[in-house]
């Protein structure tokens, strides 16, 4: 077994997401972690949002439709795939300016596993805020059978790196002084 006593402890930055400068038109980001949609996801989301369409919560009704079973609430699908894209597109966003051209291409069923990707369509400097740029992406999601189930355009305002000043000691979302700090590692 290797002796690790010769190694110096250090704080190492984790993934902080992309900043405005990191986006290039034409880039496609295949977002990690496909996600299987469960019956619980659908029923809870449908109830929380008070969506009264029985297609989402009434099996007897849904079984008589052309789909033969309940469909996953389309607004859940939007929320899920947007959430899947945050790690690559908007972890450093200060605001989402719009969701446009939302298209449901195929139904989503309980048990489907969704995979999402985003393509950068355009980017520009903000004319009113020096600390951000505006990035437009097309977000697409597919099920386990490679059937496109949804697409939409998404436009966040994304921080420029110089204004974010991320560090290993204080990553995005952490208050100052929490957890291991550089001075905790000195002299070891």
N, C-alpha and C. Protein backbone atom coordinates (compact mmCIF):
# COMPACT_ATOMS: atom_id res chain seq x y z
N UNK A 1 0.84 -1.17 0.00
CA UNK A 1 0.00 0.00 0.00
C UNK A 1 0.90 1.24 0.00
N UNK A 2 0.56 2.25 -0.83
CA UNK A 2 1.37 3.46 -0.96
C UNK A 2 1.26 4.32 0.29
N UNK A 3 2.37 4.95 0.64
CA UNK A 3 2.40 5.86 1.79
C UNK A 3 2.06 7.26 1.29
N UNK A 4 0.95 7.81 1.77
CA UNK A 4 0.50 9.13 1.33
C UNK A 4 1.06 10.26 2.19
N UNK A 5 1.94 9.95 3.14
CA UNK A 5 2.45 10.98 4.03
C UNK A 5 3.35 11.99 3.32
N UNK A 6 3.84 11.65 2.12
CA UNK A 6 4.69 12.56 1.37
C UNK A 6 3.89 13.59 0.57
N UNK A 7 2.60 13.47 0.58
CA UNK A 7 1.76 14.35 -0.23
C UNK A 7 1.26 15.52 0.60
N UNK A 8 1.34 16.67 0.01
CA UNK A 8 0.87 17.89 0.65
C UNK A 8 -0.63 18.03 0.42
N UNK A 9 -1.37 18.38 1.46
CA UNK A 9 -2.80 18.64 1.31
C UNK A 9 -2.97 20.02 0.67
N UNK A 10 -3.98 20.13 -0.20
CA UNK A 10 -4.24 21.41 -0.86
C UNK A 10 -5.72 21.51 -1.20
N UNK A 11 -6.20 22.72 -1.31
CA UNK A 11 -7.56 22.96 -1.77
C UNK A 11 -7.53 23.01 -3.29
N UNK A 12 -8.44 22.29 -3.92
CA UNK A 12 -8.50 22.23 -5.37
C UNK A 12 -9.90 22.64 -5.80
N UNK A 13 -9.98 23.54 -6.75
CA UNK A 13 -11.28 23.99 -7.24
C UNK A 13 -12.00 22.88 -7.97
N UNK A 14 -13.30 22.77 -7.73
CA UNK A 14 -14.14 21.85 -8.48
C UNK A 14 -14.74 22.57 -9.68
N UNK A 15 -15.61 21.89 -10.38
CA UNK A 15 -16.26 22.48 -11.55
C UNK A 15 -17.12 23.65 -11.09
N UNK A 16 -16.90 24.81 -11.67
CA UNK A 16 -17.63 26.03 -11.32
C UNK A 16 -18.65 26.40 -12.38
N UNK A 17 -18.76 25.62 -13.43
CA UNK A 17 -19.65 25.98 -14.53
C UNK A 17 -18.95 26.93 -15.48
N UNK A 18 -19.60 27.18 -16.60
CA UNK A 18 -19.01 28.06 -17.61
C UNK A 18 -19.32 29.52 -17.30
N UNK A 19 -18.36 30.37 -17.62
CA UNK A 19 -18.55 31.81 -17.58
C UNK A 19 -18.76 32.28 -19.01
N UNK A 20 -19.20 33.52 -19.17
CA UNK A 20 -19.53 34.04 -20.49
C UNK A 20 -18.42 33.77 -21.51
N UNK A 21 -17.18 33.98 -21.11
CA UNK A 21 -16.04 33.81 -22.03
C UNK A 21 -15.87 32.37 -22.52
N UNK A 22 -16.43 31.41 -21.81
CA UNK A 22 -16.25 29.99 -22.14
C UNK A 22 -17.18 29.50 -23.24
N UNK A 23 -18.18 30.30 -23.59
CA UNK A 23 -19.15 29.87 -24.60
C UNK A 23 -18.67 30.24 -26.00
N UNK A 24 -18.84 29.31 -26.95
CA UNK A 24 -18.56 29.57 -28.36
C UNK A 24 -19.74 29.09 -29.19
N UNK A 25 -20.18 29.93 -30.10
CA UNK A 25 -21.30 29.55 -30.97
C UNK A 25 -20.94 28.25 -31.69
N UNK A 26 -21.87 27.32 -31.68
CA UNK A 26 -21.66 26.02 -32.32
C UNK A 26 -21.28 24.91 -31.36
N UNK A 27 -20.84 25.26 -30.16
CA UNK A 27 -20.50 24.23 -29.17
C UNK A 27 -21.76 23.49 -28.74
N UNK A 28 -21.62 22.18 -28.56
CA UNK A 28 -22.71 21.34 -28.05
C UNK A 28 -22.22 20.70 -26.76
N UNK A 29 -22.99 20.87 -25.69
CA UNK A 29 -22.67 20.28 -24.40
C UNK A 29 -23.66 19.15 -24.13
N UNK A 30 -23.16 17.94 -24.04
CA UNK A 30 -24.00 16.80 -23.67
C UNK A 30 -23.97 16.74 -22.14
N UNK A 31 -25.08 17.08 -21.52
CA UNK A 31 -25.13 17.20 -20.07
C UNK A 31 -25.03 15.83 -19.39
N UNK A 32 -24.26 15.77 -18.29
CA UNK A 32 -24.09 14.48 -17.61
C UNK A 32 -25.35 14.06 -16.88
N UNK A 33 -25.40 12.79 -16.57
CA UNK A 33 -26.43 12.23 -15.70
C UNK A 33 -27.81 12.21 -16.33
N UNK A 34 -28.04 11.24 -17.18
CA UNK A 34 -29.41 11.00 -17.62
C UNK A 34 -30.29 10.77 -16.40
N UNK A 35 -31.59 10.97 -16.54
CA UNK A 35 -32.50 10.88 -15.39
C UNK A 35 -33.74 10.11 -15.77
N UNK A 36 -34.03 9.06 -15.00
CA UNK A 36 -35.25 8.28 -15.21
C UNK A 36 -36.41 8.97 -14.50
N UNK A 37 -37.49 9.17 -15.23
CA UNK A 37 -38.69 9.83 -14.70
C UNK A 37 -39.55 8.77 -14.02
N UNK A 38 -39.91 9.03 -12.78
CA UNK A 38 -40.71 8.07 -12.02
C UNK A 38 -42.18 8.51 -11.95
N UNK A 39 -43.02 7.57 -11.58
CA UNK A 39 -44.42 7.89 -11.36
C UNK A 39 -44.56 8.94 -10.26
N UNK A 40 -43.75 8.81 -9.22
CA UNK A 40 -43.79 9.77 -8.11
C UNK A 40 -43.48 11.18 -8.59
N UNK A 41 -42.44 11.33 -9.44
CA UNK A 41 -42.12 12.65 -10.00
C UNK A 41 -43.37 13.27 -10.63
N UNK A 42 -44.02 12.50 -11.47
CA UNK A 42 -45.16 13.00 -12.23
C UNK A 42 -46.35 13.33 -11.34
N UNK A 43 -46.70 12.43 -10.44
CA UNK A 43 -47.87 12.65 -9.59
C UNK A 43 -47.63 13.84 -8.66
N UNK A 44 -46.48 13.89 -8.03
CA UNK A 44 -46.21 15.02 -7.12
C UNK A 44 -46.20 16.34 -7.87
N UNK A 45 -45.50 16.41 -8.98
CA UNK A 45 -45.41 17.66 -9.73
C UNK A 45 -46.80 18.09 -10.21
N UNK A 46 -47.57 17.14 -10.71
CA UNK A 46 -48.93 17.44 -11.18
C UNK A 46 -49.78 17.99 -10.04
N UNK A 47 -49.69 17.38 -8.88
CA UNK A 47 -50.48 17.85 -7.74
C UNK A 47 -49.98 19.19 -7.21
N UNK A 48 -48.68 19.36 -7.08
CA UNK A 48 -48.12 20.61 -6.56
C UNK A 48 -48.50 21.79 -7.44
N UNK A 49 -48.55 21.57 -8.75
CA UNK A 49 -48.86 22.66 -9.68
C UNK A 49 -50.35 22.75 -10.01
N UNK A 50 -51.14 21.89 -9.40
CA UNK A 50 -52.60 21.88 -9.58
C UNK A 50 -53.01 21.69 -11.04
N UNK A 51 -52.26 20.87 -11.77
CA UNK A 51 -52.61 20.55 -13.14
C UNK A 51 -53.74 19.53 -13.10
N UNK A 52 -54.91 19.94 -13.49
CA UNK A 52 -56.10 19.10 -13.35
C UNK A 52 -56.40 18.22 -14.56
N UNK A 53 -55.48 18.12 -15.51
CA UNK A 53 -55.71 17.23 -16.64
C UNK A 53 -55.55 15.79 -16.17
N UNK A 54 -56.62 14.99 -16.26
CA UNK A 54 -56.56 13.61 -15.77
C UNK A 54 -55.55 12.73 -16.51
N UNK A 55 -55.05 13.20 -17.64
CA UNK A 55 -54.05 12.43 -18.39
C UNK A 55 -52.82 12.13 -17.54
N UNK A 56 -52.57 12.96 -16.50
CA UNK A 56 -51.36 12.82 -15.71
C UNK A 56 -51.56 12.04 -14.41
N UNK A 57 -52.79 11.92 -13.93
CA UNK A 57 -52.98 11.30 -12.61
C UNK A 57 -54.12 10.28 -12.53
N UNK A 58 -54.82 10.04 -13.63
CA UNK A 58 -55.97 9.14 -13.61
C UNK A 58 -55.73 8.02 -14.62
N UNK A 59 -55.27 6.88 -14.12
CA UNK A 59 -54.92 5.75 -14.99
C UNK A 59 -56.13 5.25 -15.78
N UNK A 60 -57.30 5.17 -15.13
CA UNK A 60 -58.51 4.70 -15.84
C UNK A 60 -58.83 5.60 -17.02
N UNK A 61 -58.76 6.89 -16.82
CA UNK A 61 -59.01 7.83 -17.91
C UNK A 61 -57.94 7.70 -18.99
N UNK A 62 -56.66 7.77 -18.58
CA UNK A 62 -55.55 7.77 -19.53
C UNK A 62 -55.53 6.49 -20.37
N UNK A 63 -55.98 5.38 -19.79
CA UNK A 63 -55.97 4.11 -20.54
C UNK A 63 -56.93 4.13 -21.72
N UNK A 64 -57.88 5.06 -21.73
CA UNK A 64 -58.84 5.14 -22.84
C UNK A 64 -58.40 6.11 -23.93
N UNK A 65 -57.26 6.76 -23.75
CA UNK A 65 -56.79 7.72 -24.74
C UNK A 65 -55.90 7.04 -25.78
N UNK A 66 -55.50 7.77 -26.77
CA UNK A 66 -54.64 7.22 -27.82
C UNK A 66 -53.29 6.74 -27.29
N UNK A 67 -52.88 7.23 -26.10
CA UNK A 67 -51.58 6.86 -25.53
C UNK A 67 -51.68 5.60 -24.68
N UNK A 68 -52.88 5.28 -24.18
CA UNK A 68 -53.10 4.06 -23.44
C UNK A 68 -52.59 4.05 -22.01
N UNK A 69 -51.95 5.14 -21.58
CA UNK A 69 -51.44 5.24 -20.21
C UNK A 69 -51.20 6.71 -19.88
N UNK A 70 -50.92 6.97 -18.61
CA UNK A 70 -50.66 8.34 -18.19
C UNK A 70 -49.40 8.89 -18.86
N UNK A 71 -49.44 10.18 -19.16
CA UNK A 71 -48.28 10.89 -19.70
C UNK A 71 -47.65 11.71 -18.59
N UNK A 72 -46.35 11.92 -18.68
CA UNK A 72 -45.66 12.79 -17.73
C UNK A 72 -46.02 14.23 -18.09
N UNK A 73 -46.33 15.01 -17.07
CA UNK A 73 -46.68 16.42 -17.20
C UNK A 73 -45.58 17.14 -18.00
N UNK A 74 -45.97 17.80 -19.08
CA UNK A 74 -45.00 18.48 -19.95
C UNK A 74 -44.21 19.56 -19.26
N UNK A 75 -44.82 20.24 -18.27
CA UNK A 75 -44.06 21.28 -17.57
C UNK A 75 -43.02 20.66 -16.64
N UNK A 76 -43.25 19.43 -16.18
CA UNK A 76 -42.20 18.72 -15.44
C UNK A 76 -41.03 18.42 -16.36
N UNK A 77 -41.33 17.99 -17.58
CA UNK A 77 -40.27 17.67 -18.54
C UNK A 77 -39.42 18.92 -18.81
N UNK A 78 -40.08 20.08 -18.98
CA UNK A 78 -39.34 21.32 -19.19
C UNK A 78 -38.43 21.58 -17.99
N UNK A 79 -39.00 21.53 -16.79
CA UNK A 79 -38.22 21.82 -15.58
C UNK A 79 -37.05 20.85 -15.43
N UNK A 80 -37.28 19.58 -15.71
CA UNK A 80 -36.22 18.58 -15.57
C UNK A 80 -35.08 18.84 -16.54
N UNK A 81 -35.38 19.04 -17.81
CA UNK A 81 -34.29 19.18 -18.78
C UNK A 81 -33.56 20.51 -18.62
N UNK A 82 -34.28 21.56 -18.23
CA UNK A 82 -33.59 22.82 -17.93
C UNK A 82 -32.65 22.60 -16.75
N UNK A 83 -33.14 21.92 -15.72
CA UNK A 83 -32.30 21.60 -14.57
C UNK A 83 -31.07 20.80 -14.95
N UNK A 84 -31.22 19.85 -15.85
CA UNK A 84 -30.09 19.03 -16.30
C UNK A 84 -29.03 19.88 -17.00
N UNK A 85 -29.45 21.00 -17.61
CA UNK A 85 -28.52 21.83 -18.37
C UNK A 85 -27.79 22.85 -17.50
N UNK A 86 -28.25 23.09 -16.30
CA UNK A 86 -27.66 24.14 -15.45
C UNK A 86 -26.16 23.93 -15.25
N UNK A 87 -25.73 22.71 -15.03
CA UNK A 87 -24.32 22.43 -14.76
C UNK A 87 -23.40 22.98 -15.86
N UNK A 88 -23.88 23.01 -17.09
CA UNK A 88 -23.06 23.44 -18.22
C UNK A 88 -23.40 24.83 -18.73
N UNK A 89 -24.64 25.27 -18.57
CA UNK A 89 -25.10 26.50 -19.21
C UNK A 89 -25.30 27.65 -18.24
N UNK A 90 -25.90 27.40 -17.09
CA UNK A 90 -26.31 28.55 -16.28
C UNK A 90 -25.93 28.47 -14.81
N UNK A 91 -24.94 27.67 -14.47
CA UNK A 91 -24.48 27.64 -13.07
C UNK A 91 -24.01 29.02 -12.64
N UNK A 92 -23.56 29.84 -13.58
CA UNK A 92 -23.10 31.19 -13.28
C UNK A 92 -24.01 32.26 -13.86
N UNK A 93 -25.26 31.92 -14.07
CA UNK A 93 -26.22 32.90 -14.58
C UNK A 93 -26.69 33.81 -13.45
N UNK A 94 -26.97 35.04 -13.81
CA UNK A 94 -27.57 35.97 -12.85
C UNK A 94 -29.08 36.07 -13.07
N UNK A 95 -29.55 35.65 -14.23
CA UNK A 95 -30.98 35.65 -14.53
C UNK A 95 -31.22 34.84 -15.80
N UNK A 96 -32.40 34.28 -15.91
CA UNK A 96 -32.84 33.68 -17.17
C UNK A 96 -33.77 34.70 -17.82
N UNK A 97 -33.45 35.08 -19.05
CA UNK A 97 -34.23 36.10 -19.73
C UNK A 97 -35.41 35.53 -20.50
N UNK A 98 -35.33 34.25 -20.87
CA UNK A 98 -36.46 33.70 -21.61
C UNK A 98 -36.29 32.25 -21.97
N UNK A 99 -37.44 31.62 -22.13
CA UNK A 99 -37.55 30.26 -22.66
C UNK A 99 -38.48 30.39 -23.86
N UNK A 100 -37.97 30.10 -25.04
CA UNK A 100 -38.73 30.32 -26.26
C UNK A 100 -38.81 29.06 -27.10
N UNK A 101 -39.79 29.04 -27.98
CA UNK A 101 -39.96 27.97 -28.95
C UNK A 101 -39.96 26.59 -28.31
N UNK A 102 -40.69 26.45 -27.22
CA UNK A 102 -40.79 25.15 -26.54
C UNK A 102 -41.62 24.22 -27.42
N UNK A 103 -41.07 23.05 -27.70
CA UNK A 103 -41.77 22.05 -28.52
C UNK A 103 -41.68 20.69 -27.85
N UNK A 104 -42.84 20.07 -27.64
CA UNK A 104 -42.89 18.69 -27.16
C UNK A 104 -42.99 17.81 -28.40
N UNK A 105 -41.93 17.10 -28.71
CA UNK A 105 -41.88 16.30 -29.94
C UNK A 105 -42.48 14.91 -29.77
N UNK A 106 -42.42 14.38 -28.56
CA UNK A 106 -42.96 13.04 -28.29
C UNK A 106 -43.33 12.97 -26.81
N UNK A 107 -44.28 12.10 -26.48
CA UNK A 107 -44.68 11.99 -25.07
C UNK A 107 -43.58 11.37 -24.22
N UNK A 108 -43.61 11.69 -22.94
CA UNK A 108 -42.72 11.08 -21.96
C UNK A 108 -43.60 10.25 -21.02
N UNK A 109 -43.16 9.01 -20.76
CA UNK A 109 -43.89 8.07 -19.92
C UNK A 109 -43.11 7.77 -18.65
N UNK A 110 -43.81 7.29 -17.63
CA UNK A 110 -43.13 6.83 -16.42
C UNK A 110 -42.11 5.77 -16.83
N UNK A 111 -40.91 5.87 -16.31
CA UNK A 111 -39.86 4.90 -16.63
C UNK A 111 -38.94 5.33 -17.76
N UNK A 112 -39.31 6.38 -18.50
CA UNK A 112 -38.40 6.87 -19.54
C UNK A 112 -37.18 7.52 -18.88
N UNK A 113 -36.02 7.34 -19.50
CA UNK A 113 -34.80 8.00 -19.05
C UNK A 113 -34.48 9.09 -20.07
N UNK A 114 -34.32 10.32 -19.57
CA UNK A 114 -34.07 11.45 -20.45
C UNK A 114 -32.60 11.86 -20.40
N UNK A 115 -32.09 12.28 -21.55
CA UNK A 115 -30.73 12.78 -21.71
C UNK A 115 -30.84 14.13 -22.41
N UNK A 116 -30.08 15.12 -21.94
CA UNK A 116 -30.21 16.47 -22.48
C UNK A 116 -28.88 16.99 -23.02
N UNK A 117 -28.98 17.86 -24.03
CA UNK A 117 -27.81 18.52 -24.59
C UNK A 117 -28.20 19.95 -24.97
N UNK A 118 -27.21 20.85 -24.94
CA UNK A 118 -27.44 22.24 -25.32
C UNK A 118 -26.44 22.64 -26.39
N UNK A 119 -26.92 23.38 -27.37
CA UNK A 119 -26.07 23.93 -28.43
C UNK A 119 -26.09 25.45 -28.33
N UNK A 120 -24.92 26.05 -28.33
CA UNK A 120 -24.82 27.51 -28.26
C UNK A 120 -25.18 28.10 -29.63
N UNK A 121 -26.25 28.90 -29.65
CA UNK A 121 -26.71 29.51 -30.90
C UNK A 121 -26.15 30.91 -31.11
N UNK A 122 -26.04 31.67 -30.03
CA UNK A 122 -25.48 33.01 -30.13
C UNK A 122 -25.05 33.50 -28.75
N UNK A 123 -24.17 34.50 -28.75
CA UNK A 123 -23.76 35.15 -27.51
C UNK A 123 -23.44 36.60 -27.83
N UNK A 124 -23.66 37.46 -26.83
CA UNK A 124 -23.36 38.87 -27.03
C UNK A 124 -23.13 39.53 -25.68
N UNK A 125 -22.39 40.61 -25.71
CA UNK A 125 -22.18 41.41 -24.51
C UNK A 125 -23.52 42.03 -24.11
N UNK A 126 -23.74 42.20 -22.84
CA UNK A 126 -24.92 42.94 -22.37
C UNK A 126 -24.68 44.42 -22.62
N UNK A 127 -25.68 45.12 -23.12
CA UNK A 127 -25.53 46.56 -23.36
C UNK A 127 -25.78 47.38 -22.09
N UNK A 128 -26.34 46.75 -21.06
CA UNK A 128 -26.67 47.51 -19.84
C UNK A 128 -25.92 47.04 -18.59
N UNK A 129 -25.21 45.92 -18.69
CA UNK A 129 -24.51 45.37 -17.52
C UNK A 129 -23.14 44.87 -17.94
N UNK A 130 -22.11 45.50 -17.43
CA UNK A 130 -20.74 45.12 -17.80
C UNK A 130 -20.32 43.75 -17.30
N UNK A 131 -20.95 43.27 -16.22
CA UNK A 131 -20.49 42.04 -15.56
C UNK A 131 -21.07 40.76 -16.16
N UNK A 132 -21.93 40.87 -17.17
CA UNK A 132 -22.55 39.68 -17.76
C UNK A 132 -22.57 39.77 -19.28
N UNK A 133 -22.76 38.59 -19.88
CA UNK A 133 -23.04 38.48 -21.29
C UNK A 133 -24.31 37.67 -21.45
N UNK A 134 -24.89 37.70 -22.63
CA UNK A 134 -26.15 37.01 -22.89
C UNK A 134 -25.87 35.86 -23.86
N UNK A 135 -26.31 34.67 -23.47
CA UNK A 135 -26.04 33.45 -24.24
C UNK A 135 -27.38 32.80 -24.59
N UNK A 136 -27.57 32.45 -25.85
CA UNK A 136 -28.77 31.73 -26.25
C UNK A 136 -28.38 30.32 -26.69
N UNK A 137 -29.07 29.35 -26.11
CA UNK A 137 -28.82 27.95 -26.45
C UNK A 137 -30.10 27.28 -26.92
N UNK A 138 -29.95 26.22 -27.69
CA UNK A 138 -31.07 25.32 -27.94
C UNK A 138 -30.85 24.10 -27.06
N UNK A 139 -31.84 23.82 -26.23
CA UNK A 139 -31.80 22.67 -25.33
C UNK A 139 -32.66 21.58 -25.96
N UNK A 140 -32.08 20.39 -26.07
CA UNK A 140 -32.81 19.25 -26.65
C UNK A 140 -32.69 18.07 -25.69
N UNK A 141 -33.76 17.30 -25.59
CA UNK A 141 -33.71 16.10 -24.75
C UNK A 141 -34.28 14.92 -25.51
N UNK A 142 -33.69 13.76 -25.22
CA UNK A 142 -34.03 12.51 -25.89
C UNK A 142 -34.32 11.45 -24.84
N UNK A 143 -35.16 10.49 -25.21
CA UNK A 143 -35.37 9.36 -24.29
C UNK A 143 -34.35 8.26 -24.57
N UNK A 144 -34.47 7.18 -23.85
CA UNK A 144 -33.53 6.06 -23.94
C UNK A 144 -33.52 5.41 -25.32
N UNK A 145 -34.52 5.68 -26.15
CA UNK A 145 -34.59 5.12 -27.50
C UNK A 145 -34.12 6.13 -28.56
N UNK A 146 -33.49 7.22 -28.12
CA UNK A 146 -33.00 8.28 -28.99
C UNK A 146 -34.13 9.02 -29.71
N UNK A 147 -35.30 9.07 -29.08
CA UNK A 147 -36.42 9.84 -29.62
C UNK A 147 -36.37 11.23 -28.98
N UNK A 148 -36.31 12.27 -29.82
CA UNK A 148 -36.33 13.62 -29.28
C UNK A 148 -37.70 13.87 -28.66
N UNK A 149 -37.72 14.25 -27.37
CA UNK A 149 -38.99 14.46 -26.69
C UNK A 149 -39.31 15.93 -26.49
N UNK A 150 -38.28 16.79 -26.44
CA UNK A 150 -38.51 18.22 -26.22
C UNK A 150 -37.35 19.02 -26.76
N UNK A 151 -37.64 20.25 -27.16
CA UNK A 151 -36.59 21.22 -27.52
C UNK A 151 -37.10 22.61 -27.14
N UNK A 152 -36.16 23.48 -26.81
CA UNK A 152 -36.51 24.85 -26.49
C UNK A 152 -35.27 25.72 -26.59
N UNK A 153 -35.50 27.01 -26.78
CA UNK A 153 -34.40 27.97 -26.74
C UNK A 153 -34.39 28.60 -25.35
N UNK A 154 -33.20 28.81 -24.85
CA UNK A 154 -33.02 29.32 -23.49
C UNK A 154 -31.98 30.42 -23.51
N UNK A 155 -32.27 31.54 -22.83
CA UNK A 155 -31.37 32.69 -22.86
C UNK A 155 -31.08 33.19 -21.45
N UNK A 156 -29.95 32.77 -20.86
CA UNK A 156 -29.54 33.32 -19.57
C UNK A 156 -28.52 34.46 -19.73
N UNK A 157 -28.47 35.32 -18.71
CA UNK A 157 -27.37 36.28 -18.56
C UNK A 157 -26.33 35.56 -17.71
N UNK A 158 -25.10 35.48 -18.23
CA UNK A 158 -24.06 34.70 -17.57
C UNK A 158 -22.93 35.62 -17.11
N UNK A 159 -22.49 35.41 -15.88
CA UNK A 159 -21.39 36.20 -15.33
C UNK A 159 -20.12 36.08 -16.16
N UNK A 160 -19.37 37.15 -16.22
CA UNK A 160 -18.03 37.11 -16.78
C UNK A 160 -17.10 36.67 -15.66
N UNK A 161 -16.09 35.91 -16.01
CA UNK A 161 -15.18 35.32 -15.03
C UNK A 161 -14.56 36.37 -14.10
N UNK A 162 -14.12 37.50 -14.64
CA UNK A 162 -13.44 38.51 -13.81
C UNK A 162 -14.33 39.04 -12.69
N UNK A 163 -15.63 38.98 -12.87
CA UNK A 163 -16.54 39.48 -11.84
C UNK A 163 -16.92 38.38 -10.84
N UNK A 164 -16.76 37.14 -11.23
CA UNK A 164 -17.14 36.02 -10.35
C UNK A 164 -16.09 35.74 -9.29
N UNK A 165 -14.83 35.80 -9.67
CA UNK A 165 -13.71 35.54 -8.78
C UNK A 165 -13.88 34.25 -7.96
N UNK A 166 -14.09 33.11 -8.62
CA UNK A 166 -14.22 31.85 -7.88
C UNK A 166 -12.88 31.45 -7.26
N UNK A 167 -12.92 30.69 -6.19
CA UNK A 167 -11.69 30.17 -5.59
C UNK A 167 -11.98 28.82 -4.96
N UNK A 168 -10.93 28.06 -4.70
CA UNK A 168 -11.10 26.75 -4.07
C UNK A 168 -11.61 26.91 -2.65
N UNK A 169 -11.23 27.98 -1.95
CA UNK A 169 -11.65 28.19 -0.56
C UNK A 169 -13.10 28.68 -0.47
N UNK A 170 -13.58 29.37 -1.51
CA UNK A 170 -14.95 29.89 -1.49
C UNK A 170 -15.58 29.66 -2.86
N UNK A 171 -15.99 28.42 -3.13
CA UNK A 171 -16.64 28.15 -4.41
C UNK A 171 -18.03 28.79 -4.46
N UNK A 172 -18.60 28.83 -5.63
CA UNK A 172 -19.93 29.40 -5.82
C UNK A 172 -20.91 28.81 -4.81
N UNK A 173 -21.63 29.70 -4.15
CA UNK A 173 -22.67 29.28 -3.21
C UNK A 173 -22.20 29.11 -1.77
N UNK A 174 -20.92 29.15 -1.52
CA UNK A 174 -20.40 28.98 -0.15
C UNK A 174 -20.18 30.35 0.48
N UNK A 175 -20.59 30.53 1.75
CA UNK A 175 -20.24 31.76 2.46
C UNK A 175 -18.75 31.77 2.80
N UNK A 176 -18.22 32.93 3.01
CA UNK A 176 -16.81 33.11 3.38
C UNK A 176 -16.51 32.35 4.67
N UNK A 177 -15.38 31.61 4.70
CA UNK A 177 -14.88 31.00 5.92
C UNK A 177 -15.48 29.65 6.31
N UNK A 178 -16.32 29.06 5.50
CA UNK A 178 -16.93 27.77 5.83
C UNK A 178 -16.03 26.63 5.33
N UNK A 179 -15.85 25.60 6.14
CA UNK A 179 -15.08 24.43 5.73
C UNK A 179 -13.58 24.67 5.75
N UNK A 180 -12.84 23.80 5.12
CA UNK A 180 -11.39 23.87 5.07
C UNK A 180 -10.94 25.16 4.38
N UNK A 181 -10.01 25.85 5.03
CA UNK A 181 -9.47 27.10 4.49
C UNK A 181 -7.97 26.92 4.26
N UNK A 182 -7.37 27.76 3.40
CA UNK A 182 -5.93 27.61 3.12
C UNK A 182 -5.08 27.61 4.40
N UNK A 183 -5.42 28.43 5.36
CA UNK A 183 -4.62 28.47 6.60
C UNK A 183 -4.73 27.17 7.41
N UNK A 184 -5.80 26.39 7.18
CA UNK A 184 -5.95 25.10 7.84
C UNK A 184 -4.93 24.09 7.33
N UNK A 185 -4.41 24.33 6.14
CA UNK A 185 -3.48 23.39 5.50
C UNK A 185 -2.03 23.77 5.71
N UNK A 186 -1.77 24.99 6.12
CA UNK A 186 -0.40 25.48 6.31
C UNK A 186 0.31 24.67 7.40
N UNK A 187 1.56 24.38 7.14
CA UNK A 187 2.41 23.73 8.14
C UNK A 187 2.20 22.25 8.32
N UNK A 188 1.41 21.62 7.45
CA UNK A 188 1.22 20.17 7.59
C UNK A 188 2.21 19.42 6.75
